[in-house]
Amino acid sequence: MMRCFIIKASEARTSPDFSLKSLSMYRMDLIARCIIAAFSKPSGIRKNVILHIVLEGPPNPPITVSINGEELEFMPISEIKAAEIVYNALANKPNKGVYVRRKSFSEVVMENLNNEIFYLHENGTDINNIKITRNPIFILGDHKGIDKESEKFLDKIGVRRVSLGPISYLSSHCITIVNYELDNRGF
């Protein structure tokens, strides 16, 4: 069973013009930490994960970078190495298992409607009280969260809000918690 994460990155660059030595400038550090959280495990790469990162920053939004754990050949263990995955993809030199498409957040969500989709939100139903049955998809925002217009879109198409607790966590921590929860459920 696959699990998927969709990150809506409102400030992340859409061209390979960011410095790998200063990742916080365009919040590429956040993206790098999410990549590490999604795919790392003690014995190597989580093969049952797909990560879609919807980049909405300048100069050319939106661009979606998708990473498929089944095809990924190496596990980046540093923020710089993880950011290089996105950098290379934007420079038209993607690593194996990494794909770049001109897709918006709503388009990425809509193409996944056949799966269970959950929006991670502090005011949602506690994750311990939901049943997950098939290939779950978890949507989360960056340091700014999900904008109101996108929240209305998610509500309109019936995406359930699921909570990891009453406080906000870093996006990468949310991914780690969800991976933990799904691992414990045998997914």
N, C-alpha and C. Protein backbone atom coordinates (compact mmCIF):
# COMPACT_ATOMS: atom_id res chain seq x y z
N MET A 1 0.84 -1.18 0.00
CA MET A 1 0.00 0.00 0.00
C MET A 1 0.89 1.25 0.00
N MET A 2 0.59 2.15 -0.89
CA MET A 2 1.35 3.40 -0.98
C MET A 2 0.75 4.44 -0.05
N ARG A 3 1.58 5.37 0.34
CA ARG A 3 1.13 6.57 1.04
C ARG A 3 1.70 7.76 0.30
N CYS A 4 0.97 8.84 0.33
CA CYS A 4 1.36 10.01 -0.47
C CYS A 4 1.22 11.26 0.38
N PHE A 5 2.13 12.20 0.15
CA PHE A 5 2.07 13.50 0.79
C PHE A 5 2.07 14.56 -0.31
N ILE A 6 1.21 15.56 -0.15
CA ILE A 6 1.19 16.72 -1.05
C ILE A 6 1.52 17.94 -0.20
N ILE A 7 2.60 18.62 -0.56
CA ILE A 7 3.01 19.83 0.16
C ILE A 7 2.75 21.03 -0.73
N LYS A 8 2.01 21.99 -0.20
CA LYS A 8 1.77 23.25 -0.92
C LYS A 8 2.79 24.25 -0.40
N ALA A 9 3.81 24.51 -1.21
CA ALA A 9 4.94 25.35 -0.80
C ALA A 9 4.80 26.73 -1.43
N SER A 10 4.25 27.66 -0.69
CA SER A 10 3.86 28.97 -1.22
C SER A 10 5.03 29.85 -1.63
N GLU A 11 6.21 29.66 -1.06
CA GLU A 11 7.34 30.53 -1.37
C GLU A 11 8.49 29.81 -2.08
N ALA A 12 8.40 28.50 -2.22
CA ALA A 12 9.52 27.73 -2.77
C ALA A 12 9.78 28.10 -4.23
N ARG A 13 11.04 28.28 -4.55
CA ARG A 13 11.46 28.71 -5.90
C ARG A 13 11.02 27.71 -6.96
N THR A 14 10.74 28.26 -8.14
CA THR A 14 10.34 27.43 -9.28
C THR A 14 11.40 27.43 -10.37
N SER A 15 12.60 27.79 -10.00
CA SER A 15 13.73 27.71 -10.93
C SER A 15 14.98 27.37 -10.10
N PRO A 16 16.01 26.83 -10.75
CA PRO A 16 17.21 26.44 -10.01
C PRO A 16 18.15 27.61 -9.78
N ASP A 17 17.60 28.70 -9.26
CA ASP A 17 18.41 29.89 -9.02
C ASP A 17 18.56 30.19 -7.52
N PHE A 18 18.37 29.16 -6.70
CA PHE A 18 18.55 29.35 -5.27
C PHE A 18 19.89 28.73 -4.86
N SER A 19 20.43 29.25 -3.78
CA SER A 19 21.72 28.77 -3.29
C SER A 19 21.54 27.55 -2.41
N LEU A 20 22.30 26.52 -2.68
CA LEU A 20 22.27 25.32 -1.84
C LEU A 20 22.95 25.58 -0.50
N LYS A 21 23.62 26.71 -0.37
CA LYS A 21 24.29 27.07 0.88
C LYS A 21 23.43 27.98 1.75
N SER A 22 22.30 28.45 1.21
CA SER A 22 21.41 29.33 1.96
C SER A 22 19.96 28.93 1.67
N LEU A 23 19.59 27.76 2.09
CA LEU A 23 18.29 27.19 1.75
C LEU A 23 17.11 27.90 2.41
N SER A 24 17.34 28.57 3.52
CA SER A 24 16.23 29.21 4.23
C SER A 24 15.68 30.43 3.49
N MET A 25 16.46 30.99 2.57
CA MET A 25 16.02 32.20 1.88
C MET A 25 14.67 32.01 1.19
N TYR A 26 14.46 30.92 0.52
CA TYR A 26 13.20 30.66 -0.19
C TYR A 26 12.47 29.47 0.42
N ARG A 27 12.80 29.16 1.66
CA ARG A 27 12.21 28.06 2.41
C ARG A 27 12.42 26.71 1.73
N MET A 28 13.53 26.61 1.01
CA MET A 28 13.90 25.32 0.43
C MET A 28 14.40 24.39 1.54
N ASP A 29 14.78 24.95 2.69
CA ASP A 29 15.14 24.12 3.84
C ASP A 29 13.95 23.30 4.31
N LEU A 30 12.78 23.92 4.30
CA LEU A 30 11.55 23.23 4.68
C LEU A 30 11.28 22.07 3.72
N ILE A 31 11.43 22.32 2.43
CA ILE A 31 11.22 21.27 1.42
C ILE A 31 12.23 20.14 1.63
N ALA A 32 13.47 20.49 1.87
CA ALA A 32 14.51 19.47 2.07
C ALA A 32 14.20 18.60 3.28
N ARG A 33 13.78 19.21 4.37
CA ARG A 33 13.45 18.43 5.57
C ARG A 33 12.25 17.52 5.32
N CYS A 34 11.29 17.98 4.53
CA CYS A 34 10.12 17.15 4.19
C CYS A 34 10.53 15.94 3.35
N ILE A 35 11.46 16.13 2.44
CA ILE A 35 11.95 15.01 1.63
C ILE A 35 12.60 13.96 2.54
N ILE A 36 13.44 14.42 3.44
CA ILE A 36 14.11 13.50 4.36
C ILE A 36 13.08 12.78 5.23
N ALA A 37 12.11 13.51 5.76
CA ALA A 37 11.09 12.91 6.63
C ALA A 37 10.23 11.89 5.87
N ALA A 38 9.93 12.18 4.63
CA ALA A 38 9.06 11.30 3.85
C ALA A 38 9.72 9.98 3.52
N PHE A 39 11.00 10.01 3.20
CA PHE A 39 11.64 8.82 2.62
C PHE A 39 12.64 8.10 3.53
N SER A 40 13.07 8.72 4.62
CA SER A 40 14.12 8.06 5.40
C SER A 40 13.53 7.06 6.39
N LYS A 41 14.24 5.98 6.54
CA LYS A 41 13.96 4.98 7.57
C LYS A 41 15.29 4.33 7.90
N PRO A 42 15.41 3.68 9.04
CA PRO A 42 16.71 3.15 9.46
C PRO A 42 17.37 2.22 8.44
N SER A 43 16.56 1.48 7.69
CA SER A 43 17.15 0.52 6.75
C SER A 43 17.24 1.06 5.32
N GLY A 44 17.07 2.36 5.13
CA GLY A 44 17.21 2.92 3.79
C GLY A 44 16.05 3.80 3.37
N ILE A 45 15.55 3.57 2.18
CA ILE A 45 14.51 4.41 1.58
C ILE A 45 13.13 3.79 1.80
N ARG A 46 12.17 4.63 2.19
CA ARG A 46 10.78 4.18 2.22
C ARG A 46 10.30 4.08 0.78
N LYS A 47 10.10 2.88 0.34
CA LYS A 47 9.70 2.65 -1.06
C LYS A 47 8.20 2.86 -1.27
N ASN A 48 7.41 2.89 -0.19
CA ASN A 48 5.96 3.00 -0.31
C ASN A 48 5.46 4.44 -0.17
N VAL A 49 6.30 5.41 -0.51
CA VAL A 49 5.93 6.83 -0.38
C VAL A 49 6.07 7.54 -1.72
N ILE A 50 5.08 8.39 -1.98
CA ILE A 50 5.16 9.36 -3.09
C ILE A 50 5.01 10.74 -2.46
N LEU A 51 5.84 11.65 -2.87
CA LEU A 51 5.80 13.02 -2.37
C LEU A 51 5.62 13.97 -3.55
N HIS A 52 4.56 14.78 -3.49
CA HIS A 52 4.33 15.83 -4.48
C HIS A 52 4.59 17.17 -3.80
N ILE A 53 5.52 17.93 -4.33
CA ILE A 53 5.83 19.25 -3.79
C ILE A 53 5.38 20.28 -4.81
N VAL A 54 4.32 21.03 -4.47
CA VAL A 54 3.80 22.05 -5.37
C VAL A 54 4.51 23.36 -5.05
N LEU A 55 5.43 23.74 -5.93
CA LEU A 55 6.22 24.96 -5.76
C LEU A 55 5.43 26.13 -6.31
N GLU A 56 5.20 27.14 -5.48
CA GLU A 56 4.39 28.28 -5.91
C GLU A 56 5.12 29.62 -5.84
N GLY A 57 6.43 29.57 -5.62
CA GLY A 57 7.20 30.80 -5.54
C GLY A 57 7.64 31.29 -6.92
N PRO A 58 8.33 32.41 -6.96
CA PRO A 58 8.79 32.95 -8.24
C PRO A 58 9.91 32.09 -8.82
N PRO A 59 10.23 32.21 -10.07
CA PRO A 59 9.66 33.16 -11.02
C PRO A 59 8.56 32.58 -11.91
N ASN A 60 8.26 31.28 -11.79
CA ASN A 60 7.43 30.65 -12.81
C ASN A 60 6.44 29.63 -12.22
N PRO A 61 5.60 30.03 -11.26
CA PRO A 61 4.72 29.06 -10.63
C PRO A 61 3.52 28.69 -11.51
N PRO A 62 2.88 27.61 -11.22
CA PRO A 62 3.26 26.55 -10.30
C PRO A 62 4.05 25.46 -11.01
N ILE A 63 4.89 24.80 -10.26
CA ILE A 63 5.61 23.62 -10.75
C ILE A 63 5.52 22.56 -9.65
N THR A 64 5.21 21.35 -10.04
CA THR A 64 5.15 20.25 -9.09
C THR A 64 6.31 19.31 -9.32
N VAL A 65 7.06 19.07 -8.26
CA VAL A 65 8.13 18.08 -8.28
C VAL A 65 7.60 16.87 -7.52
N SER A 66 7.55 15.73 -8.19
CA SER A 66 7.06 14.50 -7.57
C SER A 66 8.21 13.52 -7.42
N ILE A 67 8.25 12.86 -6.26
CA ILE A 67 9.31 11.90 -5.97
C ILE A 67 8.64 10.58 -5.62
N ASN A 68 9.04 9.52 -6.31
CA ASN A 68 8.48 8.19 -6.11
C ASN A 68 9.52 7.32 -5.40
N GLY A 69 9.22 6.93 -4.18
CA GLY A 69 10.15 6.14 -3.38
C GLY A 69 10.51 4.80 -4.00
N GLU A 70 9.59 4.21 -4.77
CA GLU A 70 9.88 2.93 -5.42
C GLU A 70 11.04 3.03 -6.40
N GLU A 71 11.24 4.22 -6.98
CA GLU A 71 12.27 4.41 -7.99
C GLU A 71 13.50 5.15 -7.48
N LEU A 72 13.38 5.78 -6.32
CA LEU A 72 14.48 6.57 -5.78
C LEU A 72 15.68 5.67 -5.49
N GLU A 73 16.86 6.08 -5.92
CA GLU A 73 18.05 5.24 -5.80
C GLU A 73 18.93 5.56 -4.60
N PHE A 74 18.78 6.74 -4.03
CA PHE A 74 19.58 7.08 -2.86
C PHE A 74 18.75 7.91 -1.89
N MET A 75 19.11 7.80 -0.62
CA MET A 75 18.40 8.53 0.43
C MET A 75 19.24 9.70 0.87
N PRO A 76 18.78 10.93 0.59
CA PRO A 76 19.54 12.08 1.06
C PRO A 76 19.41 12.20 2.57
N ILE A 77 20.52 12.37 3.24
CA ILE A 77 20.48 12.48 4.69
C ILE A 77 20.87 13.87 5.18
N SER A 78 21.11 14.78 4.26
CA SER A 78 21.38 16.16 4.65
C SER A 78 20.43 17.07 3.88
N GLU A 79 20.17 18.24 4.43
CA GLU A 79 19.29 19.19 3.76
C GLU A 79 19.84 19.58 2.39
N ILE A 80 21.14 19.73 2.29
CA ILE A 80 21.73 20.13 1.01
C ILE A 80 21.50 19.05 -0.05
N LYS A 81 21.73 17.79 0.32
CA LYS A 81 21.53 16.69 -0.64
C LYS A 81 20.05 16.56 -1.02
N ALA A 82 19.15 16.77 -0.07
CA ALA A 82 17.72 16.71 -0.37
C ALA A 82 17.32 17.88 -1.28
N ALA A 83 17.85 19.07 -1.00
CA ALA A 83 17.54 20.24 -1.84
C ALA A 83 18.10 20.06 -3.25
N GLU A 84 19.22 19.35 -3.37
CA GLU A 84 19.79 19.07 -4.70
C GLU A 84 18.81 18.27 -5.57
N ILE A 85 18.01 17.44 -4.97
CA ILE A 85 17.00 16.68 -5.73
C ILE A 85 16.06 17.65 -6.45
N VAL A 86 15.57 18.65 -5.72
CA VAL A 86 14.67 19.65 -6.31
C VAL A 86 15.43 20.53 -7.29
N TYR A 87 16.62 20.96 -6.90
CA TYR A 87 17.45 21.81 -7.76
C TYR A 87 17.69 21.13 -9.10
N ASN A 88 18.13 19.87 -9.07
CA ASN A 88 18.40 19.12 -10.31
C ASN A 88 17.14 18.95 -11.15
N ALA A 89 16.03 18.69 -10.48
CA ALA A 89 14.77 18.53 -11.22
C ALA A 89 14.40 19.83 -11.94
N LEU A 90 14.56 20.95 -11.27
CA LEU A 90 14.24 22.24 -11.89
C LEU A 90 15.23 22.61 -12.99
N ALA A 91 16.43 22.05 -12.92
CA ALA A 91 17.46 22.29 -13.94
C ALA A 91 17.37 21.27 -15.09
N ASN A 92 16.27 20.55 -15.15
CA ASN A 92 16.04 19.52 -16.19
C ASN A 92 17.07 18.40 -16.14
N LYS A 93 17.55 18.10 -14.93
CA LYS A 93 18.46 16.97 -14.72
C LYS A 93 17.97 16.14 -13.54
N PRO A 94 16.70 15.67 -13.62
CA PRO A 94 16.14 14.99 -12.45
C PRO A 94 16.80 13.65 -12.17
N ASN A 95 16.88 13.33 -10.89
CA ASN A 95 17.34 12.02 -10.46
C ASN A 95 16.27 10.99 -10.84
N LYS A 96 16.66 9.72 -10.82
CA LYS A 96 15.69 8.66 -11.09
C LYS A 96 14.60 8.70 -10.02
N GLY A 97 13.35 8.61 -10.47
CA GLY A 97 12.21 8.64 -9.56
C GLY A 97 11.70 10.03 -9.26
N VAL A 98 12.27 11.05 -9.90
CA VAL A 98 11.87 12.43 -9.68
C VAL A 98 11.30 12.99 -10.98
N TYR A 99 10.12 13.60 -10.88
CA TYR A 99 9.41 14.08 -12.07
C TYR A 99 8.98 15.53 -11.85
N VAL A 100 9.03 16.31 -12.92
CA VAL A 100 8.63 17.71 -12.87
C VAL A 100 7.48 17.92 -13.85
N ARG A 101 6.43 18.56 -13.35
CA ARG A 101 5.27 18.85 -14.20
C ARG A 101 4.76 20.25 -13.89
N ARG A 102 4.16 20.86 -14.88
CA ARG A 102 3.50 22.15 -14.65
C ARG A 102 2.08 21.86 -14.20
N LYS A 103 1.94 21.62 -12.90
CA LYS A 103 0.64 21.30 -12.30
C LYS A 103 0.45 22.17 -11.06
N SER A 104 -0.77 22.67 -10.91
CA SER A 104 -1.11 23.47 -9.74
C SER A 104 -1.52 22.56 -8.58
N PHE A 105 -1.65 23.13 -7.43
CA PHE A 105 -2.08 22.40 -6.26
C PHE A 105 -3.42 21.71 -6.51
N SER A 106 -4.39 22.45 -7.02
CA SER A 106 -5.72 21.86 -7.25
C SER A 106 -5.66 20.75 -8.29
N GLU A 107 -4.83 20.87 -9.30
CA GLU A 107 -4.70 19.82 -10.30
C GLU A 107 -4.10 18.55 -9.70
N VAL A 108 -3.10 18.70 -8.85
CA VAL A 108 -2.48 17.53 -8.22
C VAL A 108 -3.50 16.84 -7.31
N VAL A 109 -4.27 17.61 -6.56
CA VAL A 109 -5.29 17.02 -5.69
C VAL A 109 -6.34 16.31 -6.54
N MET A 110 -6.82 16.95 -7.58
CA MET A 110 -7.89 16.38 -8.41
C MET A 110 -7.46 15.08 -9.08
N GLU A 111 -6.21 14.96 -9.49
CA GLU A 111 -5.78 13.73 -10.14
C GLU A 111 -5.61 12.59 -9.15
N ASN A 112 -5.79 12.86 -7.87
CA ASN A 112 -5.67 11.83 -6.84
C ASN A 112 -7.00 11.55 -6.12
N LEU A 113 -8.10 11.97 -6.69
CA LEU A 113 -9.40 11.83 -6.03
C LEU A 113 -9.84 10.38 -5.84
N ASN A 114 -9.23 9.44 -6.52
CA ASN A 114 -9.60 8.03 -6.34
C ASN A 114 -9.05 7.44 -5.05
N ASN A 115 -8.25 8.19 -4.34
CA ASN A 115 -7.65 7.74 -3.09
C ASN A 115 -8.29 8.47 -1.92
N GLU A 116 -8.02 8.00 -0.71
CA GLU A 116 -8.46 8.72 0.48
C GLU A 116 -7.56 9.93 0.66
N ILE A 117 -8.15 11.10 0.76
CA ILE A 117 -7.36 12.33 0.91
C ILE A 117 -7.71 12.98 2.24
N PHE A 118 -6.66 13.33 2.98
CA PHE A 118 -6.82 13.98 4.27
C PHE A 118 -6.00 15.26 4.29
N TYR A 119 -6.58 16.32 4.84
CA TYR A 119 -5.90 17.59 5.01
C TYR A 119 -5.47 17.69 6.47
N LEU A 120 -4.18 17.75 6.72
CA LEU A 120 -3.68 17.85 8.09
C LEU A 120 -3.95 19.26 8.62
N HIS A 121 -4.77 19.33 9.66
CA HIS A 121 -5.22 20.60 10.21
C HIS A 121 -5.46 20.44 11.71
N GLU A 122 -5.05 21.42 12.50
CA GLU A 122 -5.19 21.33 13.95
C GLU A 122 -6.62 21.10 14.41
N ASN A 123 -7.60 21.59 13.65
CA ASN A 123 -9.00 21.48 14.05
C ASN A 123 -9.72 20.31 13.39
N GLY A 124 -8.97 19.34 12.90
CA GLY A 124 -9.58 18.18 12.27
C GLY A 124 -9.89 17.08 13.27
N THR A 125 -10.40 15.97 12.76
CA THR A 125 -10.64 14.78 13.57
C THR A 125 -9.30 14.16 13.94
N ASP A 126 -9.16 13.76 15.18
CA ASP A 126 -7.91 13.16 15.64
C ASP A 126 -7.56 11.95 14.77
N ILE A 127 -6.32 11.86 14.33
CA ILE A 127 -5.90 10.79 13.45
C ILE A 127 -6.13 9.41 14.08
N ASN A 128 -6.13 9.35 15.40
CA ASN A 128 -6.38 8.07 16.07
C ASN A 128 -7.83 7.63 15.96
N ASN A 129 -8.72 8.54 15.56
CA ASN A 129 -10.14 8.23 15.45
C ASN A 129 -10.61 8.04 14.01
N ILE A 130 -9.68 7.93 13.07
CA ILE A 130 -10.10 7.72 11.68
C ILE A 130 -9.60 6.36 11.20
N LYS A 131 -10.37 5.79 10.32
CA LYS A 131 -9.98 4.53 9.69
C LYS A 131 -9.39 4.86 8.33
N ILE A 132 -8.23 4.31 8.08
CA ILE A 132 -7.57 4.52 6.80
C ILE A 132 -7.58 3.18 6.09
N THR A 133 -8.16 3.15 4.89
CA THR A 133 -8.35 1.87 4.22
C THR A 133 -7.52 1.66 2.97
N ARG A 134 -7.19 2.70 2.25
CA ARG A 134 -6.48 2.50 0.99
C ARG A 134 -5.62 3.70 0.63
N ASN A 135 -4.44 3.48 0.18
CA ASN A 135 -3.52 4.48 -0.38
C ASN A 135 -3.82 5.92 0.07
N PRO A 136 -3.60 6.23 1.34
CA PRO A 136 -3.95 7.56 1.83
C PRO A 136 -3.03 8.65 1.30
N ILE A 137 -3.64 9.82 1.14
CA ILE A 137 -2.91 11.02 0.72
C ILE A 137 -3.11 12.06 1.81
N PHE A 138 -2.00 12.67 2.24
CA PHE A 138 -2.06 13.69 3.28
C PHE A 138 -1.56 15.01 2.70
N ILE A 139 -2.37 16.04 2.86
CA ILE A 139 -2.06 17.37 2.35
C ILE A 139 -1.60 18.24 3.51
N LEU A 140 -0.51 18.96 3.28
CA LEU A 140 -0.04 19.89 4.29
C LEU A 140 0.58 21.11 3.63
N GLY A 141 0.63 22.17 4.40
CA GLY A 141 1.21 23.40 3.88
C GLY A 141 2.63 23.58 4.37
N ASP A 142 3.17 24.72 4.01
CA ASP A 142 4.52 25.08 4.45
C ASP A 142 4.40 25.90 5.74
N HIS A 143 5.36 26.74 6.02
CA HIS A 143 5.35 27.55 7.23
C HIS A 143 4.18 28.53 7.29
N LYS A 144 3.56 28.81 6.15
CA LYS A 144 2.40 29.70 6.10
C LYS A 144 1.08 28.94 6.18
N GLY A 145 1.15 27.63 6.05
CA GLY A 145 -0.07 26.83 6.04
C GLY A 145 -0.71 26.85 4.66
N ILE A 146 -1.96 26.42 4.62
CA ILE A 146 -2.73 26.41 3.38
C ILE A 146 -3.59 27.68 3.35
N ASP A 147 -3.57 28.39 2.24
CA ASP A 147 -4.33 29.63 2.12
C ASP A 147 -5.84 29.35 2.12
N LYS A 148 -6.63 30.36 2.45
CA LYS A 148 -8.09 30.22 2.59
C LYS A 148 -8.75 29.73 1.30
N GLU A 149 -8.31 30.22 0.16
CA GLU A 149 -8.90 29.80 -1.12
C GLU A 149 -8.69 28.30 -1.34
N SER A 150 -7.51 27.82 -1.05
CA SER A 150 -7.22 26.40 -1.20
C SER A 150 -8.00 25.57 -0.19
N GLU A 151 -8.16 26.10 1.03
CA GLU A 151 -8.97 25.40 2.02
C GLU A 151 -10.41 25.28 1.55
N LYS A 152 -10.95 26.35 0.97
CA LYS A 152 -12.33 26.29 0.44
C LYS A 152 -12.44 25.24 -0.66
N PHE A 153 -11.44 25.16 -1.52
CA PHE A 153 -11.41 24.14 -2.58
C PHE A 153 -11.43 22.75 -1.96
N LEU A 154 -10.59 22.51 -0.95
CA LEU A 154 -10.54 21.20 -0.31
C LEU A 154 -11.87 20.86 0.35
N ASP A 155 -12.49 21.85 1.01
CA ASP A 155 -13.80 21.63 1.62
C ASP A 155 -14.85 21.30 0.55
N LYS A 156 -14.80 22.02 -0.55
CA LYS A 156 -15.79 21.83 -1.63
C LYS A 156 -15.74 20.42 -2.20
N ILE A 157 -14.55 19.84 -2.32
CA ILE A 157 -14.45 18.50 -2.91
C ILE A 157 -14.51 17.40 -1.84
N GLY A 158 -14.75 17.79 -0.59
CA GLY A 158 -14.99 16.82 0.47
C GLY A 158 -13.77 16.22 1.13
N VAL A 159 -12.64 16.92 1.11
CA VAL A 159 -11.43 16.42 1.76
C VAL A 159 -11.61 16.56 3.27
N ARG A 160 -11.38 15.47 4.00
CA ARG A 160 -11.52 15.46 5.46
C ARG A 160 -10.31 16.09 6.12
N ARG A 161 -10.58 16.86 7.18
CA ARG A 161 -9.51 17.43 7.99
C ARG A 161 -9.15 16.45 9.09
N VAL A 162 -7.86 16.20 9.24
CA VAL A 162 -7.35 15.27 10.22
C VAL A 162 -6.30 15.98 11.06
N SER A 163 -6.36 15.77 12.36
CA SER A 163 -5.45 16.45 13.28
C SER A 163 -4.43 15.50 13.88
N LEU A 164 -3.23 16.01 14.04
CA LEU A 164 -2.18 15.29 14.77
C LEU A 164 -2.08 15.79 16.20
N GLY A 165 -2.95 16.71 16.56
CA GLY A 165 -2.97 17.28 17.90
C GLY A 165 -3.39 18.74 17.83
N PRO A 166 -3.55 19.39 18.97
CA PRO A 166 -4.08 20.75 19.00
C PRO A 166 -3.09 21.86 18.66
N ILE A 167 -1.82 21.51 18.45
CA ILE A 167 -0.84 22.54 18.14
C ILE A 167 -0.26 22.31 16.74
N SER A 168 0.35 23.36 16.20
CA SER A 168 0.99 23.25 14.89
C SER A 168 2.37 22.63 15.04
N TYR A 169 2.70 21.76 14.10
CA TYR A 169 4.02 21.16 14.04
C TYR A 169 4.68 21.58 12.73
N LEU A 170 5.99 21.46 12.66
CA LEU A 170 6.68 21.67 11.40
C LEU A 170 6.17 20.67 10.38
N SER A 171 6.15 21.04 9.12
CA SER A 171 5.66 20.14 8.07
C SER A 171 6.42 18.82 8.08
N SER A 172 7.73 18.89 8.23
CA SER A 172 8.53 17.65 8.24
C SER A 172 8.17 16.77 9.44
N HIS A 173 7.86 17.38 10.58
CA HIS A 173 7.46 16.60 11.74
C HIS A 173 6.11 15.94 11.51
N CYS A 174 5.20 16.65 10.84
CA CYS A 174 3.89 16.06 10.50
C CYS A 174 4.07 14.81 9.65
N ILE A 175 4.97 14.87 8.69
CA ILE A 175 5.22 13.71 7.83
C ILE A 175 5.78 12.56 8.66
N THR A 176 6.70 12.86 9.56
CA THR A 176 7.27 11.82 10.42
C THR A 176 6.19 11.19 11.29
N ILE A 177 5.30 12.00 11.86
CA ILE A 177 4.22 11.49 12.71
C ILE A 177 3.27 10.61 11.90
N VAL A 178 2.90 11.06 10.71
CA VAL A 178 2.00 10.26 9.87
C VAL A 178 2.67 8.94 9.48
N ASN A 179 3.93 8.98 9.10
CA ASN A 179 4.65 7.74 8.78
C ASN A 179 4.63 6.79 9.98
N TYR A 180 4.86 7.32 11.16
CA TYR A 180 4.83 6.52 12.39
C TYR A 180 3.45 5.89 12.58
N GLU A 181 2.40 6.69 12.46
CA GLU A 181 1.04 6.20 12.63
C GLU A 181 0.72 5.08 11.63
N LEU A 182 1.08 5.31 10.37
CA LEU A 182 0.77 4.31 9.35
C LEU A 182 1.62 3.05 9.54
N ASP A 183 2.86 3.21 9.93
CA ASP A 183 3.71 2.03 10.22
C ASP A 183 3.08 1.19 11.33
N ASN A 184 2.59 1.85 12.38
CA ASN A 184 1.99 1.14 13.50
C ASN A 184 0.69 0.44 13.11
N ARG A 185 0.04 0.94 12.08
CA ARG A 185 -1.20 0.30 11.60
C ARG A 185 -0.93 -0.79 10.58
N GLY A 186 0.34 -1.00 10.27
CA GLY A 186 0.71 -2.06 9.35
C GLY A 186 0.61 -1.71 7.88
N PHE A 187 0.59 -0.41 7.57
CA PHE A 187 0.52 0.02 6.16
C PHE A 187 1.91 0.02 5.57
